[in-house]
PDB file of all heavy atoms in Angstrom:
ATOM      1  N   GLY A   1       0.757  -1.235   0.028  1.00  0.00           N
ATOM      2  CA  GLY A   1       0.019  -0.011   0.011  1.00  0.00           C
ATOM      3  C   GLY A   1       0.790   1.253  -0.002  1.00  0.00           C
ATOM      4  O   GLY A   1       0.237   2.370   0.068  1.00  0.00           O
ATOM      5  N   ARG A   2       2.150   1.208  -0.005  1.00  0.00           N
ATOM      6  CA  ARG A   2       2.970   2.391  -0.052  1.00  0.00           C
ATOM      7  C   ARG A   2       4.066   2.324  -1.056  1.00  0.00           C
ATOM      8  O   ARG A   2       5.236   2.124  -0.818  1.00  0.00           O
ATOM      9  CB  ARG A   2       3.635   2.593   1.318  1.00  0.00           C
ATOM     10  CG  ARG A   2       2.617   2.862   2.465  1.00  0.00           C
ATOM     11  CD  ARG A   2       3.354   3.165   3.746  1.00  0.00           C
ATOM     12  NE  ARG A   2       2.436   3.461   4.791  1.00  0.00           N
ATOM     13  CZ  ARG A   2       2.829   3.768   6.073  1.00  0.00           C
ATOM     14  NH1 ARG A   2       4.112   3.824   6.338  1.00  0.00           N
ATOM     15  NH2 ARG A   2       1.957   4.035   6.977  1.00  0.00           N
ATOM     16  N   PRO A   3       3.658   2.351  -2.374  1.00  0.00           N
ATOM     17  CA  PRO A   3       4.637   2.302  -3.424  1.00  0.00           C
ATOM     18  C   PRO A   3       5.554   3.492  -3.461  1.00  0.00           C
ATOM     19  O   PRO A   3       5.092   4.641  -3.236  1.00  0.00           O
ATOM     20  CB  PRO A   3       3.769   2.224  -4.698  1.00  0.00           C
ATOM     21  CG  PRO A   3       2.526   2.912  -4.340  1.00  0.00           C
ATOM     22  CD  PRO A   3       2.281   2.623  -2.903  1.00  0.00           C
ATOM     23  N   PRO A   4       6.884   3.299  -3.648  1.00  0.00           N
ATOM     24  CA  PRO A   4       7.789   4.443  -3.715  1.00  0.00           C
ATOM     25  C   PRO A   4       7.564   5.244  -5.010  1.00  0.00           C
ATOM     26  O   PRO A   4       7.021   4.707  -5.994  1.00  0.00           O
ATOM     27  CB  PRO A   4       9.127   3.838  -3.707  1.00  0.00           C
ATOM     28  CG  PRO A   4       8.928   2.447  -4.201  1.00  0.00           C
ATOM     29  CD  PRO A   4       7.552   2.038  -3.783  1.00  0.00           C
ATOM     30  N   SER A   5       8.003   6.450  -5.020  1.00  0.00           N
ATOM     31  CA  SER A   5       7.846   7.349  -6.210  1.00  0.00           C
ATOM     32  C   SER A   5       8.813   6.892  -7.324  1.00  0.00           C
ATOM     33  O   SER A   5       9.812   6.219  -7.028  1.00  0.00           O
ATOM     34  CB  SER A   5       8.128   8.781  -5.814  1.00  0.00           C
ATOM     35  OG  SER A   5       9.458   8.963  -5.507  1.00  0.00           O
ATOM     36  N   VAL A   6       8.490   7.266  -8.513  1.00  0.00           N
ATOM     37  CA  VAL A   6       9.292   6.918  -9.658  1.00  0.00           C
ATOM     38  C   VAL A   6      10.718   7.469  -9.484  1.00  0.00           C
ATOM     39  O   VAL A   6      11.691   6.749  -9.797  1.00  0.00           O
ATOM     40  CB  VAL A   6       8.661   7.370 -11.008  1.00  0.00           C
ATOM     41  CG1 VAL A   6       9.594   7.151 -12.175  1.00  0.00           C
ATOM     42  CG2 VAL A   6       7.367   6.584 -11.204  1.00  0.00           C
ATOM     43  N   PRO A   7      10.886   8.759  -9.151  1.00  0.00           N
ATOM     44  CA  PRO A   7      12.263   9.241  -8.955  1.00  0.00           C
ATOM     45  C   PRO A   7      13.092   8.417  -7.986  1.00  0.00           C
ATOM     46  O   PRO A   7      14.307   8.206  -8.147  1.00  0.00           O
ATOM     47  CB  PRO A   7      12.090  10.666  -8.502  1.00  0.00           C
ATOM     48  CG  PRO A   7      10.716  11.066  -9.061  1.00  0.00           C
ATOM     49  CD  PRO A   7       9.901   9.816  -8.947  1.00  0.00           C
ATOM     50  N   VAL A   8      12.460   8.004  -6.886  1.00  0.00           N
ATOM     51  CA  VAL A   8      13.172   7.166  -5.898  1.00  0.00           C
ATOM     52  C   VAL A   8      13.575   5.834  -6.450  1.00  0.00           C
ATOM     53  O   VAL A   8      14.691   5.367  -6.315  1.00  0.00           O
ATOM     54  CB  VAL A   8      12.324   7.004  -4.612  1.00  0.00           C
ATOM     55  CG1 VAL A   8      12.965   5.997  -3.705  1.00  0.00           C
ATOM     56  CG2 VAL A   8      12.130   8.355  -3.906  1.00  0.00           C
ATOM     57  N   LEU A   9      12.666   5.213  -7.233  1.00  0.00           N
ATOM     58  CA  LEU A   9      12.993   3.980  -7.885  1.00  0.00           C
ATOM     59  C   LEU A   9      14.062   4.141  -8.950  1.00  0.00           C
ATOM     60  O   LEU A   9      14.948   3.284  -9.093  1.00  0.00           O
ATOM     61  CB  LEU A   9      11.740   3.391  -8.502  1.00  0.00           C
ATOM     62  CG  LEU A   9      10.646   2.866  -7.533  1.00  0.00           C
ATOM     63  CD1 LEU A   9       9.407   2.505  -8.292  1.00  0.00           C
ATOM     64  CD2 LEU A   9      11.196   1.639  -6.787  1.00  0.00           C
ATOM     65  N   ALA A  10      14.037   5.297  -9.614  1.00  0.00           N
ATOM     66  CA  ALA A  10      15.059   5.587 -10.632  1.00  0.00           C
ATOM     67  C   ALA A  10      16.399   5.665  -9.967  1.00  0.00           C
ATOM     68  O   ALA A  10      17.415   5.159 -10.461  1.00  0.00           O
ATOM     69  CB  ALA A  10      14.699   6.879 -11.403  1.00  0.00           C
ATOM     70  N   ALA A  11      16.410   6.385  -8.812  1.00  0.00           N
ATOM     71  CA  ALA A  11      17.687   6.471  -8.112  1.00  0.00           C
ATOM     72  C   ALA A  11      18.222   5.106  -7.676  1.00  0.00           C
ATOM     73  O   ALA A  11      19.402   4.881  -7.758  1.00  0.00           O
ATOM     74  CB  ALA A  11      17.501   7.390  -6.867  1.00  0.00           C
ATOM     75  N   LEU A  12      17.289   4.265  -7.206  1.00  0.00           N
ATOM     76  CA  LEU A  12      17.667   2.932  -6.806  1.00  0.00           C
ATOM     77  C   LEU A  12      18.243   2.130  -7.949  1.00  0.00           C
ATOM     78  O   LEU A  12      19.359   1.553  -7.848  1.00  0.00           O
ATOM     79  CB  LEU A  12      16.496   2.179  -6.231  1.00  0.00           C
ATOM     80  CG  LEU A  12      16.710   0.722  -5.836  1.00  0.00           C
ATOM     81  CD1 LEU A  12      17.722   0.579  -4.739  1.00  0.00           C
ATOM     82  CD2 LEU A  12      15.389   0.043  -5.445  1.00  0.00           C
ATOM     83  N   LEU A  13      17.614   2.227  -9.128  1.00  0.00           N
ATOM     84  CA  LEU A  13      18.077   1.489 -10.276  1.00  0.00           C
ATOM     85  C   LEU A  13      19.475   1.969 -10.766  1.00  0.00           C
ATOM     86  O   LEU A  13      20.356   1.157 -10.932  1.00  0.00           O
ATOM     87  CB  LEU A  13      17.092   1.614 -11.452  1.00  0.00           C
ATOM     88  CG  LEU A  13      17.483   0.994 -12.811  1.00  0.00           C
ATOM     89  CD1 LEU A  13      17.646  -0.509 -12.664  1.00  0.00           C
ATOM     90  CD2 LEU A  13      16.502   1.359 -13.893  1.00  0.00           C
ATOM     91  N   ILE A  14      19.645   3.279 -10.881  1.00  0.00           N
ATOM     92  CA  ILE A  14      20.885   3.803 -11.409  1.00  0.00           C
ATOM     93  C   ILE A  14      22.059   3.552 -10.499  1.00  0.00           C
ATOM     94  O   ILE A  14      23.164   3.338 -10.889  1.00  0.00           O
ATOM     95  CB  ILE A  14      20.747   5.295 -11.748  1.00  0.00           C
ATOM     96  CG1 ILE A  14      19.633   5.479 -12.782  1.00  0.00           C
ATOM     97  CG2 ILE A  14      22.058   5.876 -12.233  1.00  0.00           C
ATOM     98  CD1 ILE A  14      19.841   4.635 -14.019  1.00  0.00           C
ATOM     99  N   THR A  15      21.797   3.601  -9.160  1.00  0.00           N
ATOM    100  CA  THR A  15      22.934   3.368  -8.217  1.00  0.00           C
ATOM    101  C   THR A  15      23.250   1.909  -8.090  1.00  0.00           C
ATOM    102  O   THR A  15      24.400   1.556  -7.674  1.00  0.00           O
ATOM    103  CB  THR A  15      22.550   3.904  -6.837  1.00  0.00           C
ATOM    104  OG1 THR A  15      21.314   3.344  -6.385  1.00  0.00           O
ATOM    105  CG2 THR A  15      22.452   5.412  -6.821  1.00  0.00           C
ATOM    106  N   LEU A  16      22.377   1.031  -8.478  1.00  0.00           N
ATOM    107  CA  LEU A  16      22.640  -0.398  -8.409  1.00  0.00           C
ATOM    108  C   LEU A  16      23.212  -1.033  -9.696  1.00  0.00           C
ATOM    109  O   LEU A  16      24.037  -1.908  -9.614  1.00  0.00           O
ATOM    110  CB  LEU A  16      21.367  -1.175  -8.035  1.00  0.00           C
ATOM    111  CG  LEU A  16      20.784  -0.934  -6.626  1.00  0.00           C
ATOM    112  CD1 LEU A  16      19.600  -1.788  -6.366  1.00  0.00           C
ATOM    113  CD2 LEU A  16      21.819  -1.114  -5.593  1.00  0.00           C
ATOM    114  N   ILE A  17      22.845  -0.465 -10.870  1.00  0.00           N
ATOM    115  CA  ILE A  17      23.440  -1.007 -12.074  1.00  0.00           C
ATOM    116  C   ILE A  17      24.913  -0.531 -12.152  1.00  0.00           C
ATOM    117  O   ILE A  17      25.293   0.468 -11.576  1.00  0.00           O
ATOM    118  CB  ILE A  17      22.661  -0.614 -13.331  1.00  0.00           C
ATOM    119  CG1 ILE A  17      22.676   0.937 -13.547  1.00  0.00           C
ATOM    120  CG2 ILE A  17      21.251  -1.081 -13.266  1.00  0.00           C
ATOM    121  CD1 ILE A  17      21.977   1.398 -14.778  1.00  0.00           C
ATOM    122  N   PRO A  18      25.754  -1.300 -12.887  1.00  0.00           N
ATOM    123  CA  PRO A  18      27.222  -0.984 -12.865  1.00  0.00           C
ATOM    124  C   PRO A  18      27.557   0.225 -13.715  1.00  0.00           C
ATOM    125  O   PRO A  18      28.268   0.162 -14.730  1.00  0.00           O
ATOM    126  CB  PRO A  18      27.855  -2.257 -13.425  1.00  0.00           C
ATOM    127  CG  PRO A  18      26.772  -2.866 -14.293  1.00  0.00           C
ATOM    128  CD  PRO A  18      25.476  -2.515 -13.621  1.00  0.00           C
ATOM    129  N   THR A  19      27.145   1.454 -13.257  1.00  0.00           N
ATOM    130  CA  THR A  19      27.386   2.668 -14.015  1.00  0.00           C
ATOM    131  C   THR A  19      28.882   3.035 -13.965  1.00  0.00           C
ATOM    132  O   THR A  19      29.387   3.644 -14.918  1.00  0.00           O
ATOM    133  CB  THR A  19      26.573   3.805 -13.467  1.00  0.00           C
ATOM    134  OG1 THR A  19      26.740   3.838 -12.014  1.00  0.00           O
ATOM    135  CG2 THR A  19      25.134   3.656 -13.776  1.00  0.00           C
ATOM    136  N   THR A  20      29.564   2.675 -12.908  1.00  0.00           N
ATOM    137  CA  THR A  20      30.989   3.049 -12.805  1.00  0.00           C
ATOM    138  C   THR A  20      31.814   2.405 -13.933  1.00  0.00           C
ATOM    139  O   THR A  20      32.490   3.140 -14.699  1.00  0.00           O
ATOM    140  CB  THR A  20      31.551   2.619 -11.431  1.00  0.00           C
ATOM    141  OG1 THR A  20      30.787   3.199 -10.398  1.00  0.00           O
ATOM    142  CG2 THR A  20      32.978   3.110 -11.306  1.00  0.00           C
ATOM    143  N   ILE A  21      31.792   1.099 -14.049  1.00  0.00           N
ATOM    144  CA  ILE A  21      32.548   0.431 -15.106  1.00  0.00           C
ATOM    145  C   ILE A  21      31.915   0.741 -16.476  1.00  0.00           C
ATOM    146  O   ILE A  21      32.657   0.861 -17.470  1.00  0.00           O
ATOM    147  CB  ILE A  21      32.635  -1.060 -14.834  1.00  0.00           C
ATOM    148  CG1 ILE A  21      33.604  -1.715 -15.895  1.00  0.00           C
ATOM    149  CG2 ILE A  21      31.307  -1.720 -14.856  1.00  0.00           C
ATOM    150  CD1 ILE A  21      35.008  -1.169 -15.830  1.00  0.00           C
ATOM    151  N   GLY A  22      30.579   0.906 -16.531  1.00  0.00           N
ATOM    152  CA  GLY A  22      29.979   1.232 -17.770  1.00  0.00           C
ATOM    153  C   GLY A  22      30.440   2.601 -18.324  1.00  0.00           C
ATOM    154  O   GLY A  22      30.628   2.751 -19.542  1.00  0.00           O
ATOM    155  N   GLY A  23      30.644   3.514 -17.412  1.00  0.00           N
ATOM    156  CA  GLY A  23      31.105   4.858 -17.850  1.00  0.00           C
ATOM    157  C   GLY A  23      32.584   4.880 -18.198  1.00  0.00           C
ATOM    158  O   GLY A  23      32.999   5.752 -18.914  1.00  0.00           O
ATOM    159  N   LEU A  24      33.325   3.975 -17.672  1.00  0.00           N
ATOM    160  CA  LEU A  24      34.810   3.963 -17.871  1.00  0.00           C
ATOM    161  C   LEU A  24      35.274   2.980 -18.864  1.00  0.00           C
ATOM    162  O   LEU A  24      36.502   3.041 -19.232  1.00  0.00           O
ATOM    163  CB  LEU A  24      35.490   3.749 -16.511  1.00  0.00           C
ATOM    164  CG  LEU A  24      35.283   4.805 -15.421  1.00  0.00           C
ATOM    165  CD1 LEU A  24      35.848   4.345 -14.130  1.00  0.00           C
ATOM    166  CD2 LEU A  24      35.849   6.133 -15.849  1.00  0.00           C
ATOM    167  N   LEU A  25      34.468   2.036 -19.301  1.00  0.00           N
ATOM    168  CA  LEU A  25      34.917   0.942 -20.156  1.00  0.00           C
ATOM    169  C   LEU A  25      35.563   1.425 -21.430  1.00  0.00           C
ATOM    170  O   LEU A  25      36.664   1.025 -21.814  1.00  0.00           O
ATOM    171  CB  LEU A  25      33.727   0.015 -20.482  1.00  0.00           C
ATOM    172  CG  LEU A  25      34.109  -1.225 -21.328  1.00  0.00           C
ATOM    173  CD1 LEU A  25      35.147  -2.049 -20.637  1.00  0.00           C
ATOM    174  CD2 LEU A  25      32.838  -2.011 -21.593  1.00  0.00           C
ATOM    175  N   SER A  26      34.889   2.347 -22.144  1.00  0.00           N
ATOM    176  CA  SER A  26      35.480   2.879 -23.401  1.00  0.00           C
ATOM    177  C   SER A  26      36.767   3.590 -23.105  1.00  0.00           C
ATOM    178  O   SER A  26      37.757   3.449 -23.956  1.00  0.00           O
ATOM    179  CB  SER A  26      34.505   3.783 -24.100  1.00  0.00           C
ATOM    180  OG  SER A  26      33.343   3.025 -24.534  1.00  0.00           O
ATOM    181  N   ALA A  27      36.819   4.384 -22.085  1.00  0.00           N
ATOM    182  CA  ALA A  27      38.035   5.103 -21.753  1.00  0.00           C
ATOM    183  C   ALA A  27      39.194   4.197 -21.522  1.00  0.00           C
ATOM    184  O   ALA A  27      40.362   4.478 -21.928  1.00  0.00           O
ATOM    185  CB  ALA A  27      37.786   6.014 -20.537  1.00  0.00           C
ATOM    186  N   ILE A  28      38.960   3.070 -20.837  1.00  0.00           N
ATOM    187  CA  ILE A  28      40.030   2.114 -20.558  1.00  0.00           C
ATOM    188  C   ILE A  28      40.613   1.559 -21.822  1.00  0.00           C
ATOM    189  O   ILE A  28      41.817   1.446 -22.006  1.00  0.00           O
ATOM    190  CB  ILE A  28      39.510   0.952 -19.669  1.00  0.00           C
ATOM    191  CG1 ILE A  28      39.112   1.485 -18.295  1.00  0.00           C
ATOM    192  CG2 ILE A  28      40.541  -0.143 -19.504  1.00  0.00           C
ATOM    193  CD1 ILE A  28      38.328   0.495 -17.466  1.00  0.00           C
ATOM    194  N   GLY A  29      39.743   1.180 -22.752  1.00  0.00           N
ATOM    195  CA  GLY A  29      40.229   0.601 -24.047  1.00  0.00           C
ATOM    196  C   GLY A  29      40.981   1.629 -24.848  1.00  0.00           C
ATOM    197  O   GLY A  29      42.024   1.298 -25.423  1.00  0.00           O
ATOM    198  N   ILE A  30      40.443   2.829 -24.989  1.00  0.00           N
ATOM    199  CA  ILE A  30      41.115   3.846 -25.778  1.00  0.00           C
ATOM    200  C   ILE A  30      42.482   4.180 -25.134  1.00  0.00           C
ATOM    201  O   ILE A  30      43.434   4.344 -25.852  1.00  0.00           O
ATOM    202  CB  ILE A  30      40.199   5.137 -25.869  1.00  0.00           C
ATOM    203  CG1 ILE A  30      38.957   4.827 -26.645  1.00  0.00           C
ATOM    204  CG2 ILE A  30      40.978   6.285 -26.525  1.00  0.00           C
ATOM    205  CD1 ILE A  30      37.922   5.905 -26.590  1.00  0.00           C
ATOM    206  N   ALA A  31      42.495   4.308 -23.816  1.00  0.00           N
ATOM    207  CA  ALA A  31      43.748   4.597 -23.134  1.00  0.00           C
ATOM    208  C   ALA A  31      44.799   3.533 -23.338  1.00  0.00           C
ATOM    209  O   ALA A  31      45.995   3.838 -23.375  1.00  0.00           O
ATOM    210  CB  ALA A  31      43.478   4.870 -21.622  1.00  0.00           C
ATOM    211  N   GLY A  32      44.367   2.295 -23.448  1.00  0.00           N
ATOM    212  CA  GLY A  32      45.327   1.189 -23.659  1.00  0.00           C
ATOM    213  C   GLY A  32      46.020   1.367 -24.986  1.00  0.00           C
ATOM    214  O   GLY A  32      47.220   1.195 -25.104  1.00  0.00           O
ATOM    215  N   MET A  33      45.296   1.730 -26.026  1.00  0.00           N
ATOM    216  CA  MET A  33      45.881   1.944 -27.362  1.00  0.00           C
ATOM    217  C   MET A  33      46.800   3.157 -27.289  1.00  0.00           C
ATOM    218  O   MET A  33      47.884   3.172 -27.853  1.00  0.00           O
ATOM    219  CB  MET A  33      44.772   2.233 -28.369  1.00  0.00           C
ATOM    220  CG  MET A  33      43.761   1.062 -28.580  1.00  0.00           C
ATOM    221  SD  MET A  33      44.493  -0.241 -29.648  1.00  0.00           S
ATOM    222  CE  MET A  33      44.329   0.523 -31.262  1.00  0.00           C
TER     223      MET A  33
END
């Protein structure tokens, strides 16, 4: 009976998915070359 708001759920999703490595993956490969 107390569903969380969409922004709160969005915050939960984005903080749990691997954004750190997702954001850095391309940079790691380019930097290696």
